[in-house]
């Protein structure tokens, strides 16, 4: 896809009401996270995101921009992006998510046969003034 098609695709992206509140703010930040699944655990990790994690993200104010897997290249990774009002919002949301006892119990159930995640990397990003996704 050409660069122009990519930008046009972003402009057609439908934002949720919460994302619309965040979009266009100068202090908004994005967190880009990559999860590498343990060998043989990619399907289980995808299921956990789809059936558990997303609901707890919503509950605790972690605003999802999108989730991706690689079409070409490494097949054991999930990449996703979250949007936050500011660093304080990010810290409060992650702290609430991590402390949620029900979520912890559900995650533990998904790992009865061993951990699903080998490695997590993340980056905190600020959009440029010319970025269509702000």
N, C-alpha and C. Protein backbone atom coordinates (compact mmCIF):
# COMPACT_ATOMS: atom_id res chain seq x y z
N UNK A 1 0.85 -1.18 0.00
CA UNK A 1 0.00 0.00 0.00
C UNK A 1 0.89 1.23 0.00
N UNK A 2 0.55 2.18 -0.82
CA UNK A 2 1.34 3.41 -0.87
C UNK A 2 1.13 4.21 0.41
N UNK A 3 2.02 5.12 0.67
CA UNK A 3 1.90 5.97 1.85
C UNK A 3 0.60 6.74 1.86
N UNK A 4 0.17 7.24 0.71
CA UNK A 4 -1.06 8.00 0.63
C UNK A 4 -2.25 7.13 1.00
N UNK A 5 -2.30 5.90 0.47
CA UNK A 5 -3.40 4.99 0.79
C UNK A 5 -3.45 4.70 2.28
N UNK A 6 -2.29 4.58 2.89
CA UNK A 6 -2.22 4.33 4.33
C UNK A 6 -2.84 5.49 5.10
N UNK A 7 -2.45 6.71 4.75
CA UNK A 7 -2.98 7.89 5.43
C UNK A 7 -4.48 8.00 5.21
N UNK A 8 -4.94 7.77 3.99
CA UNK A 8 -6.38 7.81 3.72
C UNK A 8 -7.10 6.76 4.54
N UNK A 9 -6.49 5.59 4.68
CA UNK A 9 -7.08 4.53 5.49
C UNK A 9 -7.22 4.95 6.94
N UNK A 10 -6.23 5.66 7.47
CA UNK A 10 -6.32 6.15 8.84
C UNK A 10 -7.45 7.16 8.98
N UNK A 11 -7.63 8.00 7.99
CA UNK A 11 -8.69 9.01 8.06
C UNK A 11 -10.07 8.38 8.04
N UNK A 12 -10.20 7.20 7.43
CA UNK A 12 -11.49 6.51 7.39
C UNK A 12 -11.74 5.72 8.66
N UNK A 13 -10.74 5.57 9.50
CA UNK A 13 -10.86 4.80 10.74
C UNK A 13 -11.98 5.38 11.60
N UNK A 14 -12.87 4.54 12.09
CA UNK A 14 -13.97 4.98 12.94
C UNK A 14 -13.55 4.91 14.41
N UNK A 15 -13.53 6.04 15.07
CA UNK A 15 -13.14 6.09 16.47
C UNK A 15 -14.37 5.90 17.36
N UNK A 16 -14.17 5.26 18.51
CA UNK A 16 -15.22 5.17 19.52
C UNK A 16 -15.41 6.56 20.12
N UNK A 17 -16.47 6.73 20.91
CA UNK A 17 -16.71 8.03 21.54
C UNK A 17 -15.52 8.44 22.41
N UNK A 18 -14.95 7.50 23.17
CA UNK A 18 -13.81 7.82 24.04
C UNK A 18 -12.59 8.20 23.20
N UNK A 19 -12.36 7.47 22.11
CA UNK A 19 -11.23 7.79 21.25
C UNK A 19 -11.42 9.16 20.60
N UNK A 20 -12.66 9.52 20.29
CA UNK A 20 -12.92 10.83 19.71
C UNK A 20 -12.58 11.94 20.70
N UNK A 21 -12.81 11.69 21.99
CA UNK A 21 -12.46 12.68 23.00
C UNK A 21 -10.94 12.87 23.07
N UNK A 22 -10.19 11.80 22.88
CA UNK A 22 -8.73 11.84 22.97
C UNK A 22 -8.12 12.40 21.69
N UNK A 23 -8.67 12.01 20.52
CA UNK A 23 -8.10 12.38 19.22
C UNK A 23 -7.99 13.90 19.09
N UNK A 24 -6.86 14.36 18.65
CA UNK A 24 -6.65 15.78 18.40
C UNK A 24 -6.08 16.54 19.58
N UNK A 25 -5.96 15.92 20.73
CA UNK A 25 -5.37 16.58 21.88
C UNK A 25 -3.86 16.60 21.74
N UNK A 26 -3.26 17.68 22.09
CA UNK A 26 -1.81 17.81 21.94
C UNK A 26 -1.03 16.98 22.95
N UNK A 27 -1.62 16.67 24.10
CA UNK A 27 -0.89 15.93 25.12
C UNK A 27 -1.18 14.43 25.09
N UNK A 28 -1.97 13.97 24.13
CA UNK A 28 -2.29 12.55 24.04
C UNK A 28 -1.03 11.73 23.80
N UNK A 29 -1.00 10.55 24.41
CA UNK A 29 0.12 9.65 24.18
C UNK A 29 -0.43 8.29 23.76
N UNK A 30 0.40 7.55 23.07
CA UNK A 30 0.05 6.21 22.65
C UNK A 30 1.09 5.25 23.21
N UNK A 31 0.62 4.07 23.55
CA UNK A 31 1.53 3.03 23.99
C UNK A 31 1.44 1.90 22.96
N UNK A 32 2.57 1.56 22.38
CA UNK A 32 2.67 0.48 21.41
C UNK A 32 3.31 -0.71 22.12
N UNK A 33 2.57 -1.83 22.18
CA UNK A 33 3.05 -3.00 22.93
C UNK A 33 3.13 -4.20 22.00
N UNK A 34 4.17 -4.99 22.19
CA UNK A 34 4.36 -6.23 21.42
C UNK A 34 4.50 -7.38 22.40
N UNK A 35 3.67 -8.40 22.20
CA UNK A 35 3.72 -9.61 23.02
C UNK A 35 4.24 -10.74 22.16
N UNK A 36 5.28 -11.41 22.62
CA UNK A 36 5.79 -12.60 21.96
C UNK A 36 5.27 -13.81 22.74
N UNK A 37 4.54 -14.67 22.04
CA UNK A 37 3.95 -15.84 22.68
C UNK A 37 5.01 -16.91 22.91
N UNK A 38 4.82 -17.67 23.96
CA UNK A 38 5.64 -18.86 24.20
C UNK A 38 5.38 -19.84 23.05
N UNK A 39 6.33 -20.70 22.74
CA UNK A 39 6.11 -21.67 21.66
C UNK A 39 4.82 -22.46 21.87
N UNK A 40 4.01 -22.51 20.82
CA UNK A 40 2.75 -23.24 20.85
C UNK A 40 1.62 -22.56 21.59
N UNK A 41 1.81 -21.31 22.05
CA UNK A 41 0.80 -20.63 22.87
C UNK A 41 0.12 -19.45 22.18
N UNK A 42 0.38 -19.26 20.88
CA UNK A 42 -0.18 -18.10 20.19
C UNK A 42 -1.71 -18.12 20.19
N UNK A 43 -2.30 -19.24 19.91
CA UNK A 43 -3.76 -19.32 19.88
C UNK A 43 -4.35 -19.01 21.26
N UNK A 44 -3.77 -19.56 22.30
CA UNK A 44 -4.24 -19.31 23.66
C UNK A 44 -4.08 -17.84 24.04
N UNK A 45 -2.98 -17.21 23.61
CA UNK A 45 -2.77 -15.79 23.90
C UNK A 45 -3.80 -14.94 23.17
N UNK A 46 -4.05 -15.24 21.90
CA UNK A 46 -5.08 -14.52 21.16
C UNK A 46 -6.45 -14.67 21.82
N UNK A 47 -6.77 -15.87 22.27
CA UNK A 47 -8.05 -16.10 22.93
C UNK A 47 -8.16 -15.32 24.23
N UNK A 48 -7.05 -15.24 24.98
CA UNK A 48 -7.09 -14.47 26.22
C UNK A 48 -7.33 -13.00 25.94
N UNK A 49 -6.65 -12.46 24.93
CA UNK A 49 -6.90 -11.05 24.58
C UNK A 49 -8.36 -10.86 24.19
N UNK A 50 -8.87 -11.73 23.31
CA UNK A 50 -10.23 -11.57 22.80
C UNK A 50 -11.29 -11.76 23.87
N UNK A 51 -11.10 -12.72 24.76
CA UNK A 51 -12.16 -13.10 25.70
C UNK A 51 -12.03 -12.52 27.09
N UNK A 52 -10.85 -12.03 27.45
CA UNK A 52 -10.64 -11.51 28.81
C UNK A 52 -10.05 -10.11 28.79
N UNK A 53 -8.87 -9.97 28.18
CA UNK A 53 -8.09 -8.74 28.29
C UNK A 53 -8.85 -7.51 27.80
N UNK A 54 -9.48 -7.61 26.64
CA UNK A 54 -10.17 -6.45 26.05
C UNK A 54 -11.23 -5.90 27.00
N UNK A 55 -11.98 -6.79 27.64
CA UNK A 55 -13.03 -6.34 28.57
C UNK A 55 -12.44 -5.63 29.78
N UNK A 56 -11.29 -6.09 30.26
CA UNK A 56 -10.66 -5.43 31.40
C UNK A 56 -9.97 -4.13 30.98
N UNK A 57 -9.50 -4.06 29.75
CA UNK A 57 -9.00 -2.78 29.24
C UNK A 57 -10.12 -1.75 29.30
N UNK A 58 -11.29 -2.11 28.79
CA UNK A 58 -12.43 -1.19 28.79
C UNK A 58 -12.81 -0.79 30.22
N UNK A 59 -12.86 -1.76 31.11
CA UNK A 59 -13.25 -1.52 32.50
C UNK A 59 -12.32 -0.51 33.17
N UNK A 60 -11.03 -0.56 32.86
CA UNK A 60 -10.05 0.26 33.57
C UNK A 60 -9.53 1.45 32.77
N UNK A 61 -10.17 1.77 31.65
CA UNK A 61 -9.81 2.98 30.91
C UNK A 61 -8.58 2.89 30.04
N UNK A 62 -8.23 1.67 29.61
CA UNK A 62 -7.16 1.49 28.64
C UNK A 62 -7.82 1.52 27.26
N UNK A 63 -7.68 2.61 26.54
CA UNK A 63 -8.39 2.85 25.29
C UNK A 63 -7.66 2.21 24.11
N UNK A 64 -8.26 1.17 23.57
CA UNK A 64 -7.64 0.41 22.50
C UNK A 64 -7.77 1.13 21.16
N UNK A 65 -6.64 1.30 20.48
CA UNK A 65 -6.64 1.81 19.11
C UNK A 65 -6.75 0.64 18.14
N UNK A 66 -6.01 -0.44 18.41
CA UNK A 66 -6.10 -1.62 17.55
C UNK A 66 -5.17 -2.72 17.99
N UNK A 67 -5.44 -3.91 17.46
CA UNK A 67 -4.62 -5.10 17.67
C UNK A 67 -4.21 -5.63 16.31
N UNK A 68 -2.98 -6.16 16.22
CA UNK A 68 -2.49 -6.71 14.96
C UNK A 68 -1.66 -7.95 15.21
N UNK A 69 -1.66 -8.84 14.20
CA UNK A 69 -0.69 -9.92 14.12
C UNK A 69 0.04 -9.71 12.80
N UNK A 70 1.18 -10.34 12.66
CA UNK A 70 1.99 -10.13 11.46
C UNK A 70 1.55 -11.08 10.35
N UNK A 71 1.24 -10.50 9.21
CA UNK A 71 0.87 -11.30 8.05
C UNK A 71 2.11 -11.94 7.43
N UNK A 72 3.20 -11.18 7.41
CA UNK A 72 4.47 -11.66 6.89
C UNK A 72 5.50 -11.47 8.00
N UNK A 73 6.28 -12.50 8.25
CA UNK A 73 7.30 -12.39 9.29
C UNK A 73 6.98 -13.28 10.46
N UNK A 74 7.33 -12.82 11.64
CA UNK A 74 7.15 -13.60 12.86
C UNK A 74 5.68 -13.90 13.09
N UNK A 75 5.37 -15.15 13.40
CA UNK A 75 3.97 -15.54 13.58
C UNK A 75 3.59 -15.73 15.04
N UNK A 76 4.47 -15.35 15.96
CA UNK A 76 4.16 -15.55 17.37
C UNK A 76 4.01 -14.23 18.12
N UNK A 77 3.63 -13.16 17.42
CA UNK A 77 3.52 -11.86 18.08
C UNK A 77 2.14 -11.25 17.91
N UNK A 78 1.75 -10.54 18.95
CA UNK A 78 0.55 -9.69 18.92
C UNK A 78 1.04 -8.28 19.21
N UNK A 79 0.66 -7.35 18.37
CA UNK A 79 1.01 -5.95 18.55
C UNK A 79 -0.28 -5.18 18.77
N UNK A 80 -0.28 -4.30 19.76
CA UNK A 80 -1.46 -3.47 19.95
C UNK A 80 -1.07 -2.08 20.40
N UNK A 81 -2.02 -1.15 20.21
CA UNK A 81 -1.79 0.23 20.58
C UNK A 81 -2.93 0.70 21.46
N UNK A 82 -2.55 1.44 22.51
CA UNK A 82 -3.51 2.05 23.42
C UNK A 82 -3.33 3.56 23.38
N UNK A 83 -4.40 4.30 23.64
CA UNK A 83 -4.35 5.77 23.68
C UNK A 83 -4.70 6.24 25.09
N UNK A 84 -3.97 7.26 25.54
CA UNK A 84 -4.18 7.81 26.88
C UNK A 84 -4.21 9.34 26.80
N UNK A 85 -4.96 9.94 27.72
CA UNK A 85 -5.02 11.40 27.80
C UNK A 85 -3.64 11.99 28.08
N UNK A 86 -2.90 11.33 28.97
CA UNK A 86 -1.59 11.80 29.40
C UNK A 86 -0.91 10.69 30.20
N UNK A 87 0.28 10.94 30.70
CA UNK A 87 1.03 9.92 31.43
C UNK A 87 0.31 9.50 32.73
N UNK A 88 -0.34 10.45 33.39
CA UNK A 88 -1.07 10.13 34.61
C UNK A 88 -2.21 9.16 34.34
N UNK A 89 -2.94 9.42 33.25
CA UNK A 89 -4.03 8.52 32.85
C UNK A 89 -3.47 7.12 32.60
N UNK A 90 -2.35 7.04 31.89
CA UNK A 90 -1.76 5.75 31.59
C UNK A 90 -1.38 5.01 32.88
N UNK A 91 -0.75 5.69 33.80
CA UNK A 91 -0.32 5.07 35.05
C UNK A 91 -1.52 4.59 35.87
N UNK A 92 -2.55 5.42 36.00
CA UNK A 92 -3.74 5.03 36.78
C UNK A 92 -4.44 3.83 36.15
N UNK A 93 -4.58 3.85 34.83
CA UNK A 93 -5.28 2.77 34.15
C UNK A 93 -4.53 1.45 34.28
N UNK A 94 -3.22 1.47 34.06
CA UNK A 94 -2.43 0.24 34.18
C UNK A 94 -2.42 -0.26 35.62
N UNK A 95 -2.32 0.62 36.59
CA UNK A 95 -2.32 0.20 37.99
C UNK A 95 -3.64 -0.49 38.35
N UNK A 96 -4.76 0.07 37.91
CA UNK A 96 -6.07 -0.53 38.18
C UNK A 96 -6.19 -1.89 37.49
N UNK A 97 -5.74 -1.97 36.24
CA UNK A 97 -5.79 -3.23 35.49
C UNK A 97 -4.96 -4.30 36.20
N UNK A 98 -3.75 -3.95 36.58
CA UNK A 98 -2.84 -4.91 37.20
C UNK A 98 -3.32 -5.37 38.57
N UNK A 99 -4.06 -4.51 39.29
CA UNK A 99 -4.51 -4.83 40.64
C UNK A 99 -5.86 -5.56 40.67
N UNK A 100 -6.52 -5.68 39.56
CA UNK A 100 -7.86 -6.27 39.51
C UNK A 100 -7.78 -7.76 39.84
N UNK A 101 -8.32 -8.14 40.99
CA UNK A 101 -8.19 -9.52 41.47
C UNK A 101 -8.94 -10.51 40.57
N UNK A 102 -10.07 -10.12 40.03
CA UNK A 102 -10.80 -11.02 39.13
C UNK A 102 -10.00 -11.26 37.85
N UNK A 103 -9.41 -10.21 37.30
CA UNK A 103 -8.58 -10.36 36.10
C UNK A 103 -7.38 -11.26 36.40
N UNK A 104 -6.75 -11.05 37.54
CA UNK A 104 -5.61 -11.87 37.92
C UNK A 104 -5.99 -13.35 38.00
N UNK A 105 -7.15 -13.63 38.56
CA UNK A 105 -7.62 -15.02 38.65
C UNK A 105 -7.85 -15.61 37.27
N UNK A 106 -8.49 -14.85 36.39
CA UNK A 106 -8.75 -15.34 35.03
C UNK A 106 -7.45 -15.56 34.26
N UNK A 107 -6.51 -14.65 34.39
CA UNK A 107 -5.21 -14.82 33.73
C UNK A 107 -4.50 -16.07 34.25
N UNK A 108 -4.56 -16.29 35.57
CA UNK A 108 -3.92 -17.47 36.15
C UNK A 108 -4.54 -18.75 35.59
N UNK A 109 -5.84 -18.75 35.38
CA UNK A 109 -6.50 -19.92 34.80
C UNK A 109 -5.99 -20.20 33.39
N UNK A 110 -5.70 -19.14 32.62
CA UNK A 110 -5.22 -19.34 31.25
C UNK A 110 -3.79 -19.87 31.22
N UNK A 111 -3.10 -19.79 32.36
CA UNK A 111 -1.70 -20.22 32.41
C UNK A 111 -1.49 -21.46 33.28
N UNK A 112 -2.55 -22.25 33.47
CA UNK A 112 -2.43 -23.50 34.25
C UNK A 112 -1.37 -24.43 33.67
N UNK A 113 -1.23 -24.42 32.35
CA UNK A 113 -0.27 -25.31 31.68
C UNK A 113 1.01 -24.57 31.30
N UNK A 114 1.26 -23.45 31.93
CA UNK A 114 2.47 -22.69 31.68
C UNK A 114 2.17 -21.31 31.14
N UNK A 115 3.16 -20.43 31.20
CA UNK A 115 2.97 -19.05 30.75
C UNK A 115 2.66 -18.96 29.26
N UNK A 116 1.88 -17.95 28.89
CA UNK A 116 1.54 -17.70 27.49
C UNK A 116 2.51 -16.73 26.83
N UNK A 117 3.11 -15.86 27.63
CA UNK A 117 3.92 -14.76 27.09
C UNK A 117 5.40 -14.99 27.40
N UNK A 118 6.22 -14.91 26.35
CA UNK A 118 7.66 -15.00 26.48
C UNK A 118 8.26 -13.64 26.83
N UNK A 119 7.83 -12.61 26.09
CA UNK A 119 8.42 -11.28 26.27
C UNK A 119 7.40 -10.22 25.87
N UNK A 120 7.43 -9.11 26.61
CA UNK A 120 6.60 -7.95 26.30
C UNK A 120 7.54 -6.76 26.10
N UNK A 121 7.35 -6.04 25.01
CA UNK A 121 8.07 -4.78 24.82
C UNK A 121 7.04 -3.68 24.62
N UNK A 122 7.38 -2.49 25.05
CA UNK A 122 6.45 -1.38 24.84
C UNK A 122 7.21 -0.09 24.57
N UNK A 123 6.51 0.78 23.89
CA UNK A 123 7.04 2.11 23.57
C UNK A 123 5.95 3.12 23.85
N UNK A 124 6.34 4.25 24.42
CA UNK A 124 5.41 5.35 24.66
C UNK A 124 5.66 6.38 23.56
N UNK A 125 4.60 6.69 22.80
CA UNK A 125 4.73 7.53 21.61
C UNK A 125 3.88 8.78 21.73
N UNK A 126 4.38 9.85 21.18
CA UNK A 126 3.64 11.10 21.05
C UNK A 126 3.52 11.41 19.56
N UNK A 127 2.30 11.68 19.07
CA UNK A 127 2.16 11.95 17.64
C UNK A 127 2.83 13.27 17.23
N UNK A 128 3.33 13.28 16.01
CA UNK A 128 3.86 14.52 15.45
C UNK A 128 2.69 15.43 15.10
N UNK A 129 2.96 16.70 14.86
CA UNK A 129 1.88 17.63 14.52
C UNK A 129 1.31 17.36 13.13
N UNK A 130 1.98 16.57 12.31
CA UNK A 130 1.48 16.24 10.98
C UNK A 130 0.89 14.84 10.90
N UNK A 131 0.80 14.14 12.02
CA UNK A 131 0.26 12.79 12.05
C UNK A 131 -1.27 12.82 11.91
N UNK A 132 -1.84 11.99 11.01
CA UNK A 132 -3.30 11.93 10.92
C UNK A 132 -3.93 11.28 12.15
N UNK A 133 -3.17 10.49 12.87
CA UNK A 133 -3.65 9.85 14.09
C UNK A 133 -3.09 10.62 15.28
N UNK A 134 -3.90 11.48 15.85
CA UNK A 134 -3.49 12.27 17.00
C UNK A 134 -4.47 12.02 18.05
